[in-house]
Protein backbone atom coordinates (compact mmCIF):
# COMPACT_ATOMS: atom_id res chain seq x y z
CA MET A 1 -4.40 -1.41 -4.24
CA THR A 2 -7.83 0.72 -3.41
CA ASP A 3 -7.67 4.10 -4.97
CA ALA A 4 -8.11 5.89 -2.20
CA LEU A 5 -4.81 4.15 -1.17
CA PHE A 6 -2.83 4.90 -4.81
CA ASP A 7 -3.78 8.51 -4.12
CA ALA A 8 -1.87 8.76 -0.71
CA VAL A 9 0.82 6.90 -1.73
CA THR A 10 1.71 8.26 -5.40
CA ASP A 11 4.34 10.58 -6.04
CA GLY A 12 2.86 11.99 -8.79
CA GLY A 13 4.52 9.57 -11.44
CA GLY A 14 2.68 8.56 -14.50
CA GLU A 15 4.39 5.95 -16.17
CA ARG A 16 4.01 2.43 -15.10
CA VAL A 17 6.21 1.00 -12.47
CA LEU A 18 8.01 -2.52 -13.08
CA GLY A 19 4.82 -2.70 -15.44
CA PHE A 20 2.64 -3.18 -12.89
CA TRP A 21 -1.04 -2.00 -13.23
CA ARG A 22 -1.34 -0.01 -10.06
CA LEU A 23 1.89 0.57 -8.45
CA PRO A 24 2.01 3.97 -7.21
CA GLY A 25 4.92 6.03 -8.21
CA GLY A 26 7.29 5.88 -6.28
CA PHE A 27 5.71 3.06 -3.49
CA GLU A 28 8.51 0.82 -4.91
CA ARG A 29 11.47 2.98 -2.35
CA THR A 30 8.29 2.37 0.05
CA LEU A 31 8.38 -1.27 -0.39
CA ALA A 32 12.36 -1.75 -0.48
CA ALA A 33 12.49 0.33 2.85
CA TRP A 34 10.03 -2.08 4.40
CA SER A 35 12.07 -4.50 3.42
CA ALA A 36 14.70 -4.08 5.38
CA GLY A 37 12.84 -5.64 8.80
CA GLY A 38 11.94 -8.64 6.00
CA PRO A 39 10.48 -9.51 2.70
CA VAL A 40 7.95 -7.57 1.13
CA ALA A 41 5.65 -8.51 -1.93
CA TYR A 42 3.61 -6.35 -4.39
CA VAL A 43 1.09 -8.30 -6.39
CA GLU A 44 -1.59 -7.60 -9.16
CA ALA A 45 -3.84 -10.16 -10.08
CA GLU A 46 -6.59 -9.48 -13.01
CA TYR A 47 -9.44 -12.15 -14.24
CA PHE A 48 -12.77 -12.67 -14.97
CA GLY A 49 -14.46 -15.98 -15.79
CA GLY A 50 -10.81 -17.53 -15.04
CA VAL A 51 -8.62 -16.11 -17.15
CA GLY A 52 -6.58 -12.90 -16.67
CA GLU A 53 -3.00 -11.74 -15.52
CA GLN A 54 -0.79 -11.62 -12.27
CA ARG A 55 2.33 -9.43 -11.59
CA ALA A 56 5.03 -10.00 -8.57
CA ALA A 57 7.76 -8.24 -6.80
CA VAL A 58 9.71 -9.11 -3.86
CA TRP A 59 11.96 -6.96 -1.63
CA ASP A 60 14.21 -8.08 0.68
CA GLY A 61 16.83 -6.26 2.45
CA GLY A 62 15.99 -2.93 0.59
CA ALA A 63 16.25 -4.73 -2.77
CA LEU A 64 14.28 -6.18 -5.82
CA VAL A 65 15.15 -9.77 -4.99
CA LEU A 66 12.05 -11.33 -6.92
CA GLY A 67 10.91 -10.30 -10.23
CA PRO A 68 9.28 -8.28 -11.61
CA LEU A 69 7.53 -11.60 -12.97
CA HIS A 70 4.50 -11.04 -15.08
CA LEU A 71 2.33 -14.01 -16.38
CA GLU A 72 0.21 -12.79 -19.74
CA GLU A 73 -3.54 -14.05 -20.48
CA GLY A 74 -3.75 -17.40 -21.97
CA GLN A 75 0.00 -18.14 -20.97
CA PRO A 76 0.34 -21.34 -18.92
CA PHE A 77 2.23 -21.38 -15.66
CA GLY A 78 5.77 -22.23 -15.15
CA PRO A 79 7.42 -24.78 -13.69
CA ALA A 80 7.93 -22.51 -10.66
CA GLY A 81 4.18 -21.93 -10.36
CA SER A 82 2.43 -18.54 -10.94
CA PRO A 83 4.26 -14.96 -10.39
CA LEU A 84 1.52 -14.87 -6.98
CA SER A 85 3.12 -18.55 -5.70
CA GLN A 86 6.57 -17.72 -6.55
CA ALA A 87 6.17 -14.15 -4.39
CA LEU A 88 4.12 -15.97 -1.81
CA ARG A 89 7.33 -19.17 -1.26
CA ARG A 90 9.73 -15.96 -0.76
CA LEU A 91 7.75 -14.65 1.89
CA GLY A 92 7.92 -17.89 3.15
CA VAL A 93 4.39 -19.49 2.72
CA VAL A 94 4.34 -23.24 2.27
CA ALA A 95 1.58 -25.17 0.81
CA SER A 96 0.32 -28.83 1.83
CA ALA A 97 -0.06 -31.46 -1.46
CA GLY A 98 -2.71 -30.32 -3.12
CA GLU A 99 -3.07 -26.46 -2.65
CA ASP A 100 -1.16 -23.34 -3.83
CA GLU A 101 0.72 -20.85 -1.92
CA PHE A 102 -2.50 -18.57 -2.83
CA SER A 103 -5.14 -21.03 -0.91
CA ALA A 104 -2.58 -21.79 1.80
CA VAL A 105 -2.96 -18.19 3.46
CA GLY A 106 -6.30 -17.98 2.66
CA LEU A 107 -6.36 -14.59 -0.10
CA GLY A 108 -9.45 -16.40 -1.96
CA ARG A 109 -12.01 -14.45 0.68
CA HIS A 110 -10.27 -11.27 -0.77
CA ARG A 111 -10.52 -11.92 -4.64
CA HIS A 112 -12.69 -9.23 -4.55
CA ARG A 113 -11.55 -5.19 -3.89
CA ASP A 114 -14.27 -3.43 -3.02
CA ALA A 115 -15.32 -5.61 -0.48
CA TRP A 116 -12.05 -4.64 1.30
CA THR A 117 -13.10 -1.69 2.33
CA GLY A 118 -16.61 -1.94 2.32
């Protein structure tokens, strides 16, 4: 979520929505509407030096069907995997042996938000 996109889609609500850092106010309704055509995920990850947090939620058929999930700094992944992996699986991602869903879809190449619009 770039600053420009956040500003363009927020309804101005100042509260953290569903516990996310950067989910714009009112945008959860947009995600629910988009999910009428298939599952939609909103995920956040903030890491530095391998330490950080993740949050994820998935909407499908107009309803929140997964989450919001939150993994705090220093907390190990549970048996179901990270919040991001769980959300990606809900979208239909299948990882090969020895990789997670994040790697399977190539999200590693998008680690730095500043490079998205650059």
